[in-house]
Amino acid sequence: MLGSLPHRSLQHLAKRYGSIMSIHLGNVPVIVVSSPKVAELFLKTHDHNFANWPKTKVSQCMTYGAKDLAFVEYGPYWRHVWKFCTTELICPSKVRAFALL
């Protein structure tokens, strides 16, 4: 359906169906947003509603029960892990230290 140029195919679909579409990629439902205004609503205003990944067996196995930053559900644990990462792992002093390697 999307072909070799998926961005073009999505552009044509957006012209036909509007700036918000729901499609399935395999068996995963995906919301496609093609308007900057609507994208801002999704990414800034309602970001918490769309922050979680679908739980799959693979993500559960590879990430110790979805406990890493990429797959954990948004909430207190996510905020704790994010704070740790930003203050301890990717703070400017640590980044400078890794630059020498």
Foldseek 3Di string as FASTA:
>chain_A
DCPPPNVVVVVVVCVVPNQWDWDDDDNRIDIHGDDPVVVCCCVPVVVLVVQADDDDPVCCVVPVHQQAQNHDRDDDSNVVNVVCCDPPPPDPVNVVVVVVD
